[in-house]
Amino acid sequence: GGICVTASHNPKEYTGMKIVRRGAL
């Protein structure tokens, strides 16, 4: 699995995460 600590396209005050399992699901 994996986690990217990102808020993608959101404004600067945001934080967040995109989380995946095995196979990048």
PDBML (XML) file of the C-alpha atoms, coordinates in Angstrom:
<?xml version="1.0" encoding="UTF-8" ?>
<PDBx:datablock datablockName="MODEL"
   xmlns:PDBx="http://pdbml.pdb.org/schema/pdbx-v50.xsd"
   xmlns:xsi="http://www.w3.org/2001/XMLSchema-instance"
   xsi:schemaLocation="http://pdbml.pdb.org/schema/pdbx-v50.xsd pdbx-v50.xsd">
   <PDBx:atom_siteCategory>
      <PDBx:atom_site id="1">
         <PDBx:B_iso_or_equiv>0.00</PDBx:B_iso_or_equiv>
         <PDBx:Cartn_x>0.000</PDBx:Cartn_x>
         <PDBx:Cartn_y>0.000</PDBx:Cartn_y>
         <PDBx:Cartn_z>0.000</PDBx:Cartn_z>
         <PDBx:auth_asym_id>A</PDBx:auth_asym_id>
         <PDBx:auth_atom_id>CA</PDBx:auth_atom_id>
         <PDBx:auth_comp_id>GLY</PDBx:auth_comp_id>
         <PDBx:auth_seq_id>1</PDBx:auth_seq_id>
         <PDBx:group_PDB>ATOM</PDBx:group_PDB>
         <PDBx:label_alt_id xsi:nil="true" />
         <PDBx:label_asym_id>A</PDBx:label_asym_id>
         <PDBx:label_atom_id>CA</PDBx:label_atom_id>
         <PDBx:label_comp_id>GLY</PDBx:label_comp_id>
         <PDBx:label_entity_id>1</PDBx:label_entity_id>
         <PDBx:label_seq_id>1</PDBx:label_seq_id>
         <PDBx:occupancy>1.00</PDBx:occupancy>
         <PDBx:pdbx_PDB_model_num>1</PDBx:pdbx_PDB_model_num>
         <PDBx:type_symbol>C</PDBx:type_symbol>
      </PDBx:atom_site>
      <PDBx:atom_site id="2">
         <PDBx:B_iso_or_equiv>0.00</PDBx:B_iso_or_equiv>
         <PDBx:Cartn_x>0.906</PDBx:Cartn_x>
         <PDBx:Cartn_y>3.654</PDBx:Cartn_y>
         <PDBx:Cartn_z>0.027</PDBx:Cartn_z>
         <PDBx:auth_asym_id>A</PDBx:auth_asym_id>
         <PDBx:auth_atom_id>CA</PDBx:auth_atom_id>
         <PDBx:auth_comp_id>GLY</PDBx:auth_comp_id>
         <PDBx:auth_seq_id>2</PDBx:auth_seq_id>
         <PDBx:group_PDB>ATOM</PDBx:group_PDB>
         <PDBx:label_alt_id xsi:nil="true" />
         <PDBx:label_asym_id>A</PDBx:label_asym_id>
         <PDBx:label_atom_id>CA</PDBx:label_atom_id>
         <PDBx:label_comp_id>GLY</PDBx:label_comp_id>
         <PDBx:label_entity_id>1</PDBx:label_entity_id>
         <PDBx:label_seq_id>2</PDBx:label_seq_id>
         <PDBx:occupancy>1.00</PDBx:occupancy>
         <PDBx:pdbx_PDB_model_num>1</PDBx:pdbx_PDB_model_num>
         <PDBx:type_symbol>C</PDBx:type_symbol>
      </PDBx:atom_site>
      <PDBx:atom_site id="3">
         <PDBx:B_iso_or_equiv>0.00</PDBx:B_iso_or_equiv>
         <PDBx:Cartn_x>-0.041</PDBx:Cartn_x>
         <PDBx:Cartn_y>7.126</PDBx:Cartn_y>
         <PDBx:Cartn_z>1.206</PDBx:Cartn_z>
         <PDBx:auth_asym_id>A</PDBx:auth_asym_id>
         <PDBx:auth_atom_id>CA</PDBx:auth_atom_id>
         <PDBx:auth_comp_id>ILE</PDBx:auth_comp_id>
         <PDBx:auth_seq_id>3</PDBx:auth_seq_id>
         <PDBx:group_PDB>ATOM</PDBx:group_PDB>
         <PDBx:label_alt_id xsi:nil="true" />
         <PDBx:label_asym_id>A</PDBx:label_asym_id>
         <PDBx:label_atom_id>CA</PDBx:label_atom_id>
         <PDBx:label_comp_id>ILE</PDBx:label_comp_id>
         <PDBx:label_entity_id>1</PDBx:label_entity_id>
         <PDBx:label_seq_id>3</PDBx:label_seq_id>
         <PDBx:occupancy>1.00</PDBx:occupancy>
         <PDBx:pdbx_PDB_model_num>1</PDBx:pdbx_PDB_model_num>
         <PDBx:type_symbol>C</PDBx:type_symbol>
      </PDBx:atom_site>
      <PDBx:atom_site id="4">
         <PDBx:B_iso_or_equiv>0.00</PDBx:B_iso_or_equiv>
         <PDBx:Cartn_x>0.633</PDBx:Cartn_x>
         <PDBx:Cartn_y>10.420</PDBx:Cartn_y>
         <PDBx:Cartn_z>-0.514</PDBx:Cartn_z>
         <PDBx:auth_asym_id>A</PDBx:auth_asym_id>
         <PDBx:auth_atom_id>CA</PDBx:auth_atom_id>
         <PDBx:auth_comp_id>CYS</PDBx:auth_comp_id>
         <PDBx:auth_seq_id>4</PDBx:auth_seq_id>
         <PDBx:group_PDB>ATOM</PDBx:group_PDB>
         <PDBx:label_alt_id xsi:nil="true" />
         <PDBx:label_asym_id>A</PDBx:label_asym_id>
         <PDBx:label_atom_id>CA</PDBx:label_atom_id>
         <PDBx:label_comp_id>CYS</PDBx:label_comp_id>
         <PDBx:label_entity_id>1</PDBx:label_entity_id>
         <PDBx:label_seq_id>4</PDBx:label_seq_id>
         <PDBx:occupancy>1.00</PDBx:occupancy>
         <PDBx:pdbx_PDB_model_num>1</PDBx:pdbx_PDB_model_num>
         <PDBx:type_symbol>C</PDBx:type_symbol>
      </PDBx:atom_site>
      <PDBx:atom_site id="5">
         <PDBx:B_iso_or_equiv>0.00</PDBx:B_iso_or_equiv>
         <PDBx:Cartn_x>0.352</PDBx:Cartn_x>
         <PDBx:Cartn_y>13.393</PDBx:Cartn_y>
         <PDBx:Cartn_z>1.821</PDBx:Cartn_z>
         <PDBx:auth_asym_id>A</PDBx:auth_asym_id>
         <PDBx:auth_atom_id>CA</PDBx:auth_atom_id>
         <PDBx:auth_comp_id>VAL</PDBx:auth_comp_id>
         <PDBx:auth_seq_id>5</PDBx:auth_seq_id>
         <PDBx:group_PDB>ATOM</PDBx:group_PDB>
         <PDBx:label_alt_id xsi:nil="true" />
         <PDBx:label_asym_id>A</PDBx:label_asym_id>
         <PDBx:label_atom_id>CA</PDBx:label_atom_id>
         <PDBx:label_comp_id>VAL</PDBx:label_comp_id>
         <PDBx:label_entity_id>1</PDBx:label_entity_id>
         <PDBx:label_seq_id>5</PDBx:label_seq_id>
         <PDBx:occupancy>1.00</PDBx:occupancy>
         <PDBx:pdbx_PDB_model_num>1</PDBx:pdbx_PDB_model_num>
         <PDBx:type_symbol>C</PDBx:type_symbol>
      </PDBx:atom_site>
      <PDBx:atom_site id="6">
         <PDBx:B_iso_or_equiv>0.00</PDBx:B_iso_or_equiv>
         <PDBx:Cartn_x>-1.242</PDBx:Cartn_x>
         <PDBx:Cartn_y>15.908</PDBx:Cartn_y>
         <PDBx:Cartn_z>-0.538</PDBx:Cartn_z>
         <PDBx:auth_asym_id>A</PDBx:auth_asym_id>
         <PDBx:auth_atom_id>CA</PDBx:auth_atom_id>
         <PDBx:auth_comp_id>THR</PDBx:auth_comp_id>
         <PDBx:auth_seq_id>6</PDBx:auth_seq_id>
         <PDBx:group_PDB>ATOM</PDBx:group_PDB>
         <PDBx:label_alt_id xsi:nil="true" />
         <PDBx:label_asym_id>A</PDBx:label_asym_id>
         <PDBx:label_atom_id>CA</PDBx:label_atom_id>
         <PDBx:label_comp_id>THR</PDBx:label_comp_id>
         <PDBx:label_entity_id>1</PDBx:label_entity_id>
         <PDBx:label_seq_id>6</PDBx:label_seq_id>
         <PDBx:occupancy>1.00</PDBx:occupancy>
         <PDBx:pdbx_PDB_model_num>1</PDBx:pdbx_PDB_model_num>
         <PDBx:type_symbol>C</PDBx:type_symbol>
      </PDBx:atom_site>
      <PDBx:atom_site id="7">
         <PDBx:B_iso_or_equiv>0.00</PDBx:B_iso_or_equiv>
         <PDBx:Cartn_x>-4.267</PDBx:Cartn_x>
         <PDBx:Cartn_y>18.131</PDBx:Cartn_y>
         <PDBx:Cartn_z>-0.933</PDBx:Cartn_z>
         <PDBx:auth_asym_id>A</PDBx:auth_asym_id>
         <PDBx:auth_atom_id>CA</PDBx:auth_atom_id>
         <PDBx:auth_comp_id>ALA</PDBx:auth_comp_id>
         <PDBx:auth_seq_id>7</PDBx:auth_seq_id>
         <PDBx:group_PDB>ATOM</PDBx:group_PDB>
         <PDBx:label_alt_id xsi:nil="true" />
         <PDBx:label_asym_id>A</PDBx:label_asym_id>
         <PDBx:label_atom_id>CA</PDBx:label_atom_id>
         <PDBx:label_comp_id>ALA</PDBx:label_comp_id>
         <PDBx:label_entity_id>1</PDBx:label_entity_id>
         <PDBx:label_seq_id>7</PDBx:label_seq_id>
         <PDBx:occupancy>1.00</PDBx:occupancy>
         <PDBx:pdbx_PDB_model_num>1</PDBx:pdbx_PDB_model_num>
         <PDBx:type_symbol>C</PDBx:type_symbol>
      </PDBx:atom_site>
      <PDBx:atom_site id="8">
         <PDBx:B_iso_or_equiv>0.00</PDBx:B_iso_or_equiv>
         <PDBx:Cartn_x>-4.049</PDBx:Cartn_x>
         <PDBx:Cartn_y>17.900</PDBx:Cartn_y>
         <PDBx:Cartn_z>-4.729</PDBx:Cartn_z>
         <PDBx:auth_asym_id>A</PDBx:auth_asym_id>
         <PDBx:auth_atom_id>CA</PDBx:auth_atom_id>
         <PDBx:auth_comp_id>SER</PDBx:auth_comp_id>
         <PDBx:auth_seq_id>8</PDBx:auth_seq_id>
         <PDBx:group_PDB>ATOM</PDBx:group_PDB>
         <PDBx:label_alt_id xsi:nil="true" />
         <PDBx:label_asym_id>A</PDBx:label_asym_id>
         <PDBx:label_atom_id>CA</PDBx:label_atom_id>
         <PDBx:label_comp_id>SER</PDBx:label_comp_id>
         <PDBx:label_entity_id>1</PDBx:label_entity_id>
         <PDBx:label_seq_id>8</PDBx:label_seq_id>
         <PDBx:occupancy>1.00</PDBx:occupancy>
         <PDBx:pdbx_PDB_model_num>1</PDBx:pdbx_PDB_model_num>
         <PDBx:type_symbol>C</PDBx:type_symbol>
      </PDBx:atom_site>
      <PDBx:atom_site id="9">
         <PDBx:B_iso_or_equiv>0.00</PDBx:B_iso_or_equiv>
         <PDBx:Cartn_x>-5.536</PDBx:Cartn_x>
         <PDBx:Cartn_y>21.021</PDBx:Cartn_y>
         <PDBx:Cartn_z>-6.347</PDBx:Cartn_z>
         <PDBx:auth_asym_id>A</PDBx:auth_asym_id>
         <PDBx:auth_atom_id>CA</PDBx:auth_atom_id>
         <PDBx:auth_comp_id>HIS</PDBx:auth_comp_id>
         <PDBx:auth_seq_id>9</PDBx:auth_seq_id>
         <PDBx:group_PDB>ATOM</PDBx:group_PDB>
         <PDBx:label_alt_id xsi:nil="true" />
         <PDBx:label_asym_id>A</PDBx:label_asym_id>
         <PDBx:label_atom_id>CA</PDBx:label_atom_id>
         <PDBx:label_comp_id>HIS</PDBx:label_comp_id>
         <PDBx:label_entity_id>1</PDBx:label_entity_id>
         <PDBx:label_seq_id>9</PDBx:label_seq_id>
         <PDBx:occupancy>1.00</PDBx:occupancy>
         <PDBx:pdbx_PDB_model_num>1</PDBx:pdbx_PDB_model_num>
         <PDBx:type_symbol>C</PDBx:type_symbol>
      </PDBx:atom_site>
      <PDBx:atom_site id="10">
         <PDBx:B_iso_or_equiv>0.00</PDBx:B_iso_or_equiv>
         <PDBx:Cartn_x>-6.997</PDBx:Cartn_x>
         <PDBx:Cartn_y>22.577</PDBx:Cartn_y>
         <PDBx:Cartn_z>-3.200</PDBx:Cartn_z>
         <PDBx:auth_asym_id>A</PDBx:auth_asym_id>
         <PDBx:auth_atom_id>CA</PDBx:auth_atom_id>
         <PDBx:auth_comp_id>ASN</PDBx:auth_comp_id>
         <PDBx:auth_seq_id>10</PDBx:auth_seq_id>
         <PDBx:group_PDB>ATOM</PDBx:group_PDB>
         <PDBx:label_alt_id xsi:nil="true" />
         <PDBx:label_asym_id>A</PDBx:label_asym_id>
         <PDBx:label_atom_id>CA</PDBx:label_atom_id>
         <PDBx:label_comp_id>ASN</PDBx:label_comp_id>
         <PDBx:label_entity_id>1</PDBx:label_entity_id>
         <PDBx:label_seq_id>10</PDBx:label_seq_id>
         <PDBx:occupancy>1.00</PDBx:occupancy>
         <PDBx:pdbx_PDB_model_num>1</PDBx:pdbx_PDB_model_num>
         <PDBx:type_symbol>C</PDBx:type_symbol>
      </PDBx:atom_site>
      <PDBx:atom_site id="11">
         <PDBx:B_iso_or_equiv>0.00</PDBx:B_iso_or_equiv>
         <PDBx:Cartn_x>-5.988</PDBx:Cartn_x>
         <PDBx:Cartn_y>26.050</PDBx:Cartn_y>
         <PDBx:Cartn_z>-1.950</PDBx:Cartn_z>
         <PDBx:auth_asym_id>A</PDBx:auth_asym_id>
         <PDBx:auth_atom_id>CA</PDBx:auth_atom_id>
         <PDBx:auth_comp_id>PRO</PDBx:auth_comp_id>
         <PDBx:auth_seq_id>11</PDBx:auth_seq_id>
         <PDBx:group_PDB>ATOM</PDBx:group_PDB>
         <PDBx:label_alt_id xsi:nil="true" />
         <PDBx:label_asym_id>A</PDBx:label_asym_id>
         <PDBx:label_atom_id>CA</PDBx:label_atom_id>
         <PDBx:label_comp_id>PRO</PDBx:label_comp_id>
         <PDBx:label_entity_id>1</PDBx:label_entity_id>
         <PDBx:label_seq_id>11</PDBx:label_seq_id>
         <PDBx:occupancy>1.00</PDBx:occupancy>
         <PDBx:pdbx_PDB_model_num>1</PDBx:pdbx_PDB_model_num>
         <PDBx:type_symbol>C</PDBx:type_symbol>
      </PDBx:atom_site>
      <PDBx:atom_site id="12">
         <PDBx:B_iso_or_equiv>0.00</PDBx:B_iso_or_equiv>
         <PDBx:Cartn_x>-2.874</PDBx:Cartn_x>
         <PDBx:Cartn_y>26.521</PDBx:Cartn_y>
         <PDBx:Cartn_z>0.167</PDBx:Cartn_z>
         <PDBx:auth_asym_id>A</PDBx:auth_asym_id>
         <PDBx:auth_atom_id>CA</PDBx:auth_atom_id>
         <PDBx:auth_comp_id>LYS</PDBx:auth_comp_id>
         <PDBx:auth_seq_id>12</PDBx:auth_seq_id>
         <PDBx:group_PDB>ATOM</PDBx:group_PDB>
         <PDBx:label_alt_id xsi:nil="true" />
         <PDBx:label_asym_id>A</PDBx:label_asym_id>
         <PDBx:label_atom_id>CA</PDBx:label_atom_id>
         <PDBx:label_comp_id>LYS</PDBx:label_comp_id>
         <PDBx:label_entity_id>1</PDBx:label_entity_id>
         <PDBx:label_seq_id>12</PDBx:label_seq_id>
         <PDBx:occupancy>1.00</PDBx:occupancy>
         <PDBx:pdbx_PDB_model_num>1</PDBx:pdbx_PDB_model_num>
         <PDBx:type_symbol>C</PDBx:type_symbol>
      </PDBx:atom_site>
      <PDBx:atom_site id="13">
         <PDBx:B_iso_or_equiv>0.00</PDBx:B_iso_or_equiv>
         <PDBx:Cartn_x>-4.546</PDBx:Cartn_x>
         <PDBx:Cartn_y>26.173</PDBx:Cartn_y>
         <PDBx:Cartn_z>3.566</PDBx:Cartn_z>
         <PDBx:auth_asym_id>A</PDBx:auth_asym_id>
         <PDBx:auth_atom_id>CA</PDBx:auth_atom_id>
         <PDBx:auth_comp_id>GLU</PDBx:auth_comp_id>
         <PDBx:auth_seq_id>13</PDBx:auth_seq_id>
         <PDBx:group_PDB>ATOM</PDBx:group_PDB>
         <PDBx:label_alt_id xsi:nil="true" />
         <PDBx:label_asym_id>A</PDBx:label_asym_id>
         <PDBx:label_atom_id>CA</PDBx:label_atom_id>
         <PDBx:label_comp_id>GLU</PDBx:label_comp_id>
         <PDBx:label_entity_id>1</PDBx:label_entity_id>
         <PDBx:label_seq_id>13</PDBx:label_seq_id>
         <PDBx:occupancy>1.00</PDBx:occupancy>
         <PDBx:pdbx_PDB_model_num>1</PDBx:pdbx_PDB_model_num>
         <PDBx:type_symbol>C</PDBx:type_symbol>
      </PDBx:atom_site>
      <PDBx:atom_site id="14">
         <PDBx:B_iso_or_equiv>0.00</PDBx:B_iso_or_equiv>
         <PDBx:Cartn_x>-5.487</PDBx:Cartn_x>
         <PDBx:Cartn_y>22.533</PDBx:Cartn_y>
         <PDBx:Cartn_z>2.866</PDBx:Cartn_z>
         <PDBx:auth_asym_id>A</PDBx:auth_asym_id>
         <PDBx:auth_atom_id>CA</PDBx:auth_atom_id>
         <PDBx:auth_comp_id>TYR</PDBx:auth_comp_id>
         <PDBx:auth_seq_id>14</PDBx:auth_seq_id>
         <PDBx:group_PDB>ATOM</PDBx:group_PDB>
         <PDBx:label_alt_id xsi:nil="true" />
         <PDBx:label_asym_id>A</PDBx:label_asym_id>
         <PDBx:label_atom_id>CA</PDBx:label_atom_id>
         <PDBx:label_comp_id>TYR</PDBx:label_comp_id>
         <PDBx:label_entity_id>1</PDBx:label_entity_id>
         <PDBx:label_seq_id>14</PDBx:label_seq_id>
         <PDBx:occupancy>1.00</PDBx:occupancy>
         <PDBx:pdbx_PDB_model_num>1</PDBx:pdbx_PDB_model_num>
         <PDBx:type_symbol>C</PDBx:type_symbol>
      </PDBx:atom_site>
      <PDBx:atom_site id="15">
         <PDBx:B_iso_or_equiv>0.00</PDBx:B_iso_or_equiv>
         <PDBx:Cartn_x>-3.731</PDBx:Cartn_x>
         <PDBx:Cartn_y>19.286</PDBx:Cartn_y>
         <PDBx:Cartn_z>3.670</PDBx:Cartn_z>
         <PDBx:auth_asym_id>A</PDBx:auth_asym_id>
         <PDBx:auth_atom_id>CA</PDBx:auth_atom_id>
         <PDBx:auth_comp_id>THR</PDBx:auth_comp_id>
         <PDBx:auth_seq_id>15</PDBx:auth_seq_id>
         <PDBx:group_PDB>ATOM</PDBx:group_PDB>
         <PDBx:label_alt_id xsi:nil="true" />
         <PDBx:label_asym_id>A</PDBx:label_asym_id>
         <PDBx:label_atom_id>CA</PDBx:label_atom_id>
         <PDBx:label_comp_id>THR</PDBx:label_comp_id>
         <PDBx:label_entity_id>1</PDBx:label_entity_id>
         <PDBx:label_seq_id>15</PDBx:label_seq_id>
         <PDBx:occupancy>1.00</PDBx:occupancy>
         <PDBx:pdbx_PDB_model_num>1</PDBx:pdbx_PDB_model_num>
         <PDBx:type_symbol>C</PDBx:type_symbol>
      </PDBx:atom_site>
      <PDBx:atom_site id="16">
         <PDBx:B_iso_or_equiv>0.00</PDBx:B_iso_or_equiv>
         <PDBx:Cartn_x>-4.791</PDBx:Cartn_x>
         <PDBx:Cartn_y>15.720</PDBx:Cartn_y>
         <PDBx:Cartn_z>3.012</PDBx:Cartn_z>
         <PDBx:auth_asym_id>A</PDBx:auth_asym_id>
         <PDBx:auth_atom_id>CA</PDBx:auth_atom_id>
         <PDBx:auth_comp_id>GLY</PDBx:auth_comp_id>
         <PDBx:auth_seq_id>16</PDBx:auth_seq_id>
         <PDBx:group_PDB>ATOM</PDBx:group_PDB>
         <PDBx:label_alt_id xsi:nil="true" />
         <PDBx:label_asym_id>A</PDBx:label_asym_id>
         <PDBx:label_atom_id>CA</PDBx:label_atom_id>
         <PDBx:label_comp_id>GLY</PDBx:label_comp_id>
         <PDBx:label_entity_id>1</PDBx:label_entity_id>
         <PDBx:label_seq_id>16</PDBx:label_seq_id>
         <PDBx:occupancy>1.00</PDBx:occupancy>
         <PDBx:pdbx_PDB_model_num>1</PDBx:pdbx_PDB_model_num>
         <PDBx:type_symbol>C</PDBx:type_symbol>
      </PDBx:atom_site>
      <PDBx:atom_site id="17">
         <PDBx:B_iso_or_equiv>0.00</PDBx:B_iso_or_equiv>
         <PDBx:Cartn_x>-3.929</PDBx:Cartn_x>
         <PDBx:Cartn_y>12.195</PDBx:Cartn_y>
         <PDBx:Cartn_z>1.883</PDBx:Cartn_z>
         <PDBx:auth_asym_id>A</PDBx:auth_asym_id>
         <PDBx:auth_atom_id>CA</PDBx:auth_atom_id>
         <PDBx:auth_comp_id>MET</PDBx:auth_comp_id>
         <PDBx:auth_seq_id>17</PDBx:auth_seq_id>
         <PDBx:group_PDB>ATOM</PDBx:group_PDB>
         <PDBx:label_alt_id xsi:nil="true" />
         <PDBx:label_asym_id>A</PDBx:label_asym_id>
         <PDBx:label_atom_id>CA</PDBx:label_atom_id>
         <PDBx:label_comp_id>MET</PDBx:label_comp_id>
         <PDBx:label_entity_id>1</PDBx:label_entity_id>
         <PDBx:label_seq_id>17</PDBx:label_seq_id>
         <PDBx:occupancy>1.00</PDBx:occupancy>
         <PDBx:pdbx_PDB_model_num>1</PDBx:pdbx_PDB_model_num>
         <PDBx:type_symbol>C</PDBx:type_symbol>
      </PDBx:atom_site>
      <PDBx:atom_site id="18">
         <PDBx:B_iso_or_equiv>0.00</PDBx:B_iso_or_equiv>
         <PDBx:Cartn_x>-4.508</PDBx:Cartn_x>
         <PDBx:Cartn_y>9.876</PDBx:Cartn_y>
         <PDBx:Cartn_z>-1.043</PDBx:Cartn_z>
         <PDBx:auth_asym_id>A</PDBx:auth_asym_id>
         <PDBx:auth_atom_id>CA</PDBx:auth_atom_id>
         <PDBx:auth_comp_id>LYS</PDBx:auth_comp_id>
         <PDBx:auth_seq_id>18</PDBx:auth_seq_id>
         <PDBx:group_PDB>ATOM</PDBx:group_PDB>
         <PDBx:label_alt_id xsi:nil="true" />
         <PDBx:label_asym_id>A</PDBx:label_asym_id>
         <PDBx:label_atom_id>CA</PDBx:label_atom_id>
         <PDBx:label_comp_id>LYS</PDBx:label_comp_id>
         <PDBx:label_entity_id>1</PDBx:label_entity_id>
         <PDBx:label_seq_id>18</PDBx:label_seq_id>
         <PDBx:occupancy>1.00</PDBx:occupancy>
         <PDBx:pdbx_PDB_model_num>1</PDBx:pdbx_PDB_model_num>
         <PDBx:type_symbol>C</PDBx:type_symbol>
      </PDBx:atom_site>
      <PDBx:atom_site id="19">
         <PDBx:B_iso_or_equiv>0.00</PDBx:B_iso_or_equiv>
         <PDBx:Cartn_x>-4.372</PDBx:Cartn_x>
         <PDBx:Cartn_y>6.293</PDBx:Cartn_y>
         <PDBx:Cartn_z>0.178</PDBx:Cartn_z>
         <PDBx:auth_asym_id>A</PDBx:auth_asym_id>
         <PDBx:auth_atom_id>CA</PDBx:auth_atom_id>
         <PDBx:auth_comp_id>ILE</PDBx:auth_comp_id>
         <PDBx:auth_seq_id>19</PDBx:auth_seq_id>
         <PDBx:group_PDB>ATOM</PDBx:group_PDB>
         <PDBx:label_alt_id xsi:nil="true" />
         <PDBx:label_asym_id>A</PDBx:label_asym_id>
         <PDBx:label_atom_id>CA</PDBx:label_atom_id>
         <PDBx:label_comp_id>ILE</PDBx:label_comp_id>
         <PDBx:label_entity_id>1</PDBx:label_entity_id>
         <PDBx:label_seq_id>19</PDBx:label_seq_id>
         <PDBx:occupancy>1.00</PDBx:occupancy>
         <PDBx:pdbx_PDB_model_num>1</PDBx:pdbx_PDB_model_num>
         <PDBx:type_symbol>C</PDBx:type_symbol>
      </PDBx:atom_site>
      <PDBx:atom_site id="20">
         <PDBx:B_iso_or_equiv>0.00</PDBx:B_iso_or_equiv>
         <PDBx:Cartn_x>-3.989</PDBx:Cartn_x>
         <PDBx:Cartn_y>3.072</PDBx:Cartn_y>
         <PDBx:Cartn_z>-1.793</PDBx:Cartn_z>
         <PDBx:auth_asym_id>A</PDBx:auth_asym_id>
         <PDBx:auth_atom_id>CA</PDBx:auth_atom_id>
         <PDBx:auth_comp_id>VAL</PDBx:auth_comp_id>
         <PDBx:auth_seq_id>20</PDBx:auth_seq_id>
         <PDBx:group_PDB>ATOM</PDBx:group_PDB>
         <PDBx:label_alt_id xsi:nil="true" />
         <PDBx:label_asym_id>A</PDBx:label_asym_id>
         <PDBx:label_atom_id>CA</PDBx:label_atom_id>
         <PDBx:label_comp_id>VAL</PDBx:label_comp_id>
         <PDBx:label_entity_id>1</PDBx:label_entity_id>
         <PDBx:label_seq_id>20</PDBx:label_seq_id>
         <PDBx:occupancy>1.00</PDBx:occupancy>
         <PDBx:pdbx_PDB_model_num>1</PDBx:pdbx_PDB_model_num>
         <PDBx:type_symbol>C</PDBx:type_symbol>
      </PDBx:atom_site>
      <PDBx:atom_site id="21">
         <PDBx:B_iso_or_equiv>0.00</PDBx:B_iso_or_equiv>
         <PDBx:Cartn_x>-3.746</PDBx:Cartn_x>
         <PDBx:Cartn_y>-0.649</PDBx:Cartn_y>
         <PDBx:Cartn_z>-1.150</PDBx:Cartn_z>
         <PDBx:auth_asym_id>A</PDBx:auth_asym_id>
         <PDBx:auth_atom_id>CA</PDBx:auth_atom_id>
         <PDBx:auth_comp_id>ARG</PDBx:auth_comp_id>
         <PDBx:auth_seq_id>21</PDBx:auth_seq_id>
         <PDBx:group_PDB>ATOM</PDBx:group_PDB>
         <PDBx:label_alt_id xsi:nil="true" />
         <PDBx:label_asym_id>A</PDBx:label_asym_id>
         <PDBx:label_atom_id>CA</PDBx:label_atom_id>
         <PDBx:label_comp_id>ARG</PDBx:label_comp_id>
         <PDBx:label_entity_id>1</PDBx:label_entity_id>
         <PDBx:label_seq_id>21</PDBx:label_seq_id>
         <PDBx:occupancy>1.00</PDBx:occupancy>
         <PDBx:pdbx_PDB_model_num>1</PDBx:pdbx_PDB_model_num>
         <PDBx:type_symbol>C</PDBx:type_symbol>
      </PDBx:atom_site>
      <PDBx:atom_site id="22">
         <PDBx:B_iso_or_equiv>0.00</PDBx:B_iso_or_equiv>
         <PDBx:Cartn_x>-1.638</PDBx:Cartn_x>
         <PDBx:Cartn_y>-3.262</PDBx:Cartn_y>
         <PDBx:Cartn_z>-2.919</PDBx:Cartn_z>
         <PDBx:auth_asym_id>A</PDBx:auth_asym_id>
         <PDBx:auth_atom_id>CA</PDBx:auth_atom_id>
         <PDBx:auth_comp_id>ARG</PDBx:auth_comp_id>
         <PDBx:auth_seq_id>22</PDBx:auth_seq_id>
         <PDBx:group_PDB>ATOM</PDBx:group_PDB>
         <PDBx:label_alt_id xsi:nil="true" />
         <PDBx:label_asym_id>A</PDBx:label_asym_id>
         <PDBx:label_atom_id>CA</PDBx:label_atom_id>
         <PDBx:label_comp_id>ARG</PDBx:label_comp_id>
         <PDBx:label_entity_id>1</PDBx:label_entity_id>
         <PDBx:label_seq_id>22</PDBx:label_seq_id>
         <PDBx:occupancy>1.00</PDBx:occupancy>
         <PDBx:pdbx_PDB_model_num>1</PDBx:pdbx_PDB_model_num>
         <PDBx:type_symbol>C</PDBx:type_symbol>
      </PDBx:atom_site>
      <PDBx:atom_site id="23">
         <PDBx:B_iso_or_equiv>0.00</PDBx:B_iso_or_equiv>
         <PDBx:Cartn_x>-1.696</PDBx:Cartn_x>
         <PDBx:Cartn_y>-2.793</PDBx:Cartn_y>
         <PDBx:Cartn_z>-6.684</PDBx:Cartn_z>
         <PDBx:auth_asym_id>A</PDBx:auth_asym_id>
         <PDBx:auth_atom_id>CA</PDBx:auth_atom_id>
         <PDBx:auth_comp_id>GLY</PDBx:auth_comp_id>
         <PDBx:auth_seq_id>23</PDBx:auth_seq_id>
         <PDBx:group_PDB>ATOM</PDBx:group_PDB>
         <PDBx:label_alt_id xsi:nil="true" />
         <PDBx:label_asym_id>A</PDBx:label_asym_id>
         <PDBx:label_atom_id>CA</PDBx:label_atom_id>
         <PDBx:label_comp_id>GLY</PDBx:label_comp_id>
         <PDBx:label_entity_id>1</PDBx:label_entity_id>
         <PDBx:label_seq_id>23</PDBx:label_seq_id>
         <PDBx:occupancy>1.00</PDBx:occupancy>
         <PDBx:pdbx_PDB_model_num>1</PDBx:pdbx_PDB_model_num>
         <PDBx:type_symbol>C</PDBx:type_symbol>
      </PDBx:atom_site>
      <PDBx:atom_site id="24">
         <PDBx:B_iso_or_equiv>0.00</PDBx:B_iso_or_equiv>
         <PDBx:Cartn_x>-2.298</PDBx:Cartn_x>
         <PDBx:Cartn_y>0.947</PDBx:Cartn_y>
         <PDBx:Cartn_z>-6.175</PDBx:Cartn_z>
         <PDBx:auth_asym_id>A</PDBx:auth_asym_id>
         <PDBx:auth_atom_id>CA</PDBx:auth_atom_id>
         <PDBx:auth_comp_id>ALA</PDBx:auth_comp_id>
         <PDBx:auth_seq_id>24</PDBx:auth_seq_id>
         <PDBx:group_PDB>ATOM</PDBx:group_PDB>
         <PDBx:label_alt_id xsi:nil="true" />
         <PDBx:label_asym_id>A</PDBx:label_asym_id>
         <PDBx:label_atom_id>CA</PDBx:label_atom_id>
         <PDBx:label_comp_id>ALA</PDBx:label_comp_id>
         <PDBx:label_entity_id>1</PDBx:label_entity_id>
         <PDBx:label_seq_id>24</PDBx:label_seq_id>
         <PDBx:occupancy>1.00</PDBx:occupancy>
         <PDBx:pdbx_PDB_model_num>1</PDBx:pdbx_PDB_model_num>
         <PDBx:type_symbol>C</PDBx:type_symbol>
      </PDBx:atom_site>
      <PDBx:atom_site id="25">
         <PDBx:B_iso_or_equiv>0.00</PDBx:B_iso_or_equiv>
         <PDBx:Cartn_x>-6.010</PDBx:Cartn_x>
         <PDBx:Cartn_y>0.283</PDBx:Cartn_y>
         <PDBx:Cartn_z>-5.644</PDBx:Cartn_z>
         <PDBx:auth_asym_id>A</PDBx:auth_asym_id>
         <PDBx:auth_atom_id>CA</PDBx:auth_atom_id>
         <PDBx:auth_comp_id>LEU</PDBx:auth_comp_id>
         <PDBx:auth_seq_id>25</PDBx:auth_seq_id>
         <PDBx:group_PDB>ATOM</PDBx:group_PDB>
         <PDBx:label_alt_id xsi:nil="true" />
         <PDBx:label_asym_id>A</PDBx:label_asym_id>
         <PDBx:label_atom_id>CA</PDBx:label_atom_id>
         <PDBx:label_comp_id>LEU</PDBx:label_comp_id>
         <PDBx:label_entity_id>1</PDBx:label_entity_id>
         <PDBx:label_seq_id>25</PDBx:label_seq_id>
         <PDBx:occupancy>1.00</PDBx:occupancy>
         <PDBx:pdbx_PDB_model_num>1</PDBx:pdbx_PDB_model_num>
         <PDBx:type_symbol>C</PDBx:type_symbol>
      </PDBx:atom_site>
   </PDBx:atom_siteCategory>
</PDBx:datablock>
